Amino acid sequence: MRYIFEFCIIAAISFVAEVIKYFLPLPVPASIYGLIIMLILLISGVLKVEKVSAVADFLIKIMPLMFIPAVVGLVESYTAIKPIVIRLIIFVPVSTVVVMGVCGRVAQAIRTRQKRQGVDIDE
């Protein structure tokens, strides 16, 4: 029953994000609105991490499975991608390394800042 309740919370936030996307004329995906809503709810304390952690952990564990339809779509549309395939082969690994580097630097900066402030980072 706990998993159903947690999933309903996440689904409700996703639904609200879809409604916001429908009414706001901005080129922002509903998933981004959902992440922002979830962040605001978690930071404000309205929603506790424990209320969604089990289902969130499950969804993260099955995330690779969710990429299968996207990969199949790419394979099916190979003729449309064929003219830029060389650029994709170069751009995707380079951009992945850049994103990993930026994320790592941000994480290091946050940990350093927490250490200077005396915050226990091993919670």
Protein backbone atom coordinates (compact mmCIF):
# COMPACT_ATOMS: atom_id res chain seq x y z
CA MET A 1 0.00 0.00 0.00
CA ARG A 2 2.92 2.33 0.77
CA TYR A 3 4.25 2.00 -2.77
CA ILE A 4 0.88 2.86 -4.29
CA PHE A 5 0.59 5.97 -2.11
CA GLU A 6 4.13 7.10 -2.97
CA PHE A 7 3.53 6.49 -6.66
CA CYS A 8 0.29 8.50 -6.48
CA ILE A 9 2.19 11.45 -4.99
CA ILE A 10 4.72 11.38 -7.83
CA ALA A 11 1.95 10.93 -10.41
CA ALA A 12 -0.01 13.87 -8.95
CA ILE A 13 3.06 16.11 -9.18
CA SER A 14 3.57 14.98 -12.78
CA PHE A 15 -0.08 15.75 -13.54
CA VAL A 16 0.22 19.25 -12.07
CA ALA A 17 3.34 19.76 -14.17
CA GLU A 18 1.43 18.74 -17.32
CA VAL A 19 -1.34 21.20 -16.46
CA ILE A 20 1.20 23.98 -15.93
CA LYS A 21 2.83 23.17 -19.28
CA TYR A 22 -0.58 23.29 -20.97
CA PHE A 23 -1.37 26.77 -19.62
CA LEU A 24 2.06 28.41 -19.78
CA PRO A 25 3.22 29.28 -23.30
CA LEU A 26 6.89 28.55 -22.53
CA PRO A 27 9.03 25.98 -24.35
CA VAL A 28 9.72 24.08 -21.13
CA PRO A 29 8.95 20.35 -20.86
CA ALA A 30 6.46 19.25 -18.24
CA SER A 31 9.14 17.06 -16.64
CA ILE A 32 11.15 20.18 -15.77
CA TYR A 33 8.11 21.75 -14.15
CA GLY A 34 7.63 18.50 -12.23
CA LEU A 35 11.21 18.53 -10.99
CA ILE A 36 10.87 22.15 -9.88
CA ILE A 37 7.60 21.40 -8.07
CA MET A 38 9.16 18.37 -6.36
CA LEU A 39 12.22 20.42 -5.35
CA ILE A 40 10.05 23.20 -3.90
CA LEU A 41 7.92 20.70 -1.97
CA LEU A 42 10.98 18.93 -0.57
CA ILE A 43 12.87 22.10 0.37
CA SER A 44 9.82 23.70 1.98
CA GLY A 45 9.14 20.57 4.02
CA VAL A 46 5.62 20.14 2.66
CA LEU A 47 6.73 16.78 1.30
CA LYS A 48 9.17 14.64 3.25
CA VAL A 49 11.73 12.53 1.40
CA GLU A 50 10.51 9.45 3.25
CA LYS A 51 7.08 9.86 1.64
CA VAL A 52 8.46 9.17 -1.86
CA SER A 53 11.84 7.51 -1.32
CA ALA A 54 10.88 3.86 -1.88
CA VAL A 55 9.17 4.44 -5.23
CA ALA A 56 11.82 6.99 -6.27
CA ASP A 57 14.54 4.39 -5.60
CA PHE A 58 12.60 1.83 -7.63
CA LEU A 59 12.14 4.26 -10.54
CA ILE A 60 15.85 5.08 -10.53
CA LYS A 61 16.73 1.37 -10.58
CA ILE A 62 14.56 0.70 -13.64
CA MET A 63 15.59 3.90 -15.45
CA PRO A 64 17.82 2.09 -18.01
CA LEU A 65 14.79 0.05 -19.04
CA MET A 66 12.96 3.28 -19.88
CA PHE A 67 15.55 4.14 -22.54
CA ILE A 68 14.76 1.07 -24.67
CA PRO A 69 11.83 2.70 -26.55
CA ALA A 70 13.97 5.76 -27.30
CA VAL A 71 16.78 3.62 -28.70
CA VAL A 72 14.32 1.63 -30.82
CA GLY A 73 12.96 4.92 -32.14
CA LEU A 74 16.47 5.99 -33.10
CA VAL A 75 17.10 2.71 -34.91
CA GLU A 76 13.82 3.04 -36.79
CA SER A 77 14.63 6.61 -37.88
CA TYR A 78 18.18 5.86 -38.97
CA THR A 79 17.54 7.17 -42.48
CA ALA A 80 16.67 10.60 -41.06
CA ILE A 81 19.73 10.59 -38.77
CA LYS A 82 22.15 9.22 -41.38
CA PRO A 83 23.34 12.67 -42.64
CA ILE A 84 24.46 13.74 -39.15
CA VAL A 85 25.59 10.41 -37.71
CA ILE A 86 29.31 11.37 -37.71
CA ARG A 87 28.56 14.58 -35.80
CA LEU A 88 26.45 12.60 -33.32
CA ILE A 89 29.23 10.06 -32.78
CA ILE A 90 31.57 12.94 -31.90
CA PHE A 91 29.16 15.24 -30.06
CA VAL A 92 27.47 12.72 -27.75
CA PRO A 93 30.64 11.43 -26.00
CA VAL A 94 32.15 14.93 -25.79
CA SER A 95 29.00 16.45 -24.31
CA THR A 96 28.69 13.51 -21.90
CA VAL A 97 32.24 14.07 -20.62
CA VAL A 98 31.61 17.82 -20.28
CA VAL A 99 28.39 17.25 -18.31
CA MET A 100 30.12 14.70 -16.06
CA GLY A 101 32.98 17.14 -15.44
CA VAL A 102 30.69 20.04 -14.61
CA CYS A 103 28.58 17.88 -12.28
CA GLY A 104 31.70 16.60 -10.56
CA ARG A 105 33.06 20.11 -10.05
CA VAL A 106 29.74 21.33 -8.67
CA ALA A 107 29.58 18.35 -6.29
CA GLN A 108 33.15 19.04 -5.12
CA ALA A 109 32.34 22.71 -4.58
CA ILE A 110 29.27 21.84 -2.54
CA ARG A 111 31.20 19.34 -0.40
CA THR A 112 34.01 21.83 0.15
CA ARG A 113 31.53 24.52 1.15
CA GLN A 114 29.77 22.14 3.54
CA LYS A 115 33.10 21.16 5.14
CA ARG A 116 33.99 24.84 5.65
CA GLN A 117 30.61 25.45 7.28
CA GLY A 118 31.06 22.41 9.51
CA VAL A 119 28.08 20.53 8.09
CA ASP A 120 28.18 16.74 8.56
CA ILE A 121 28.33 15.52 4.94
CA ASP A 122 28.17 11.81 5.72
CA GLU A 123 24.53 11.79 6.80
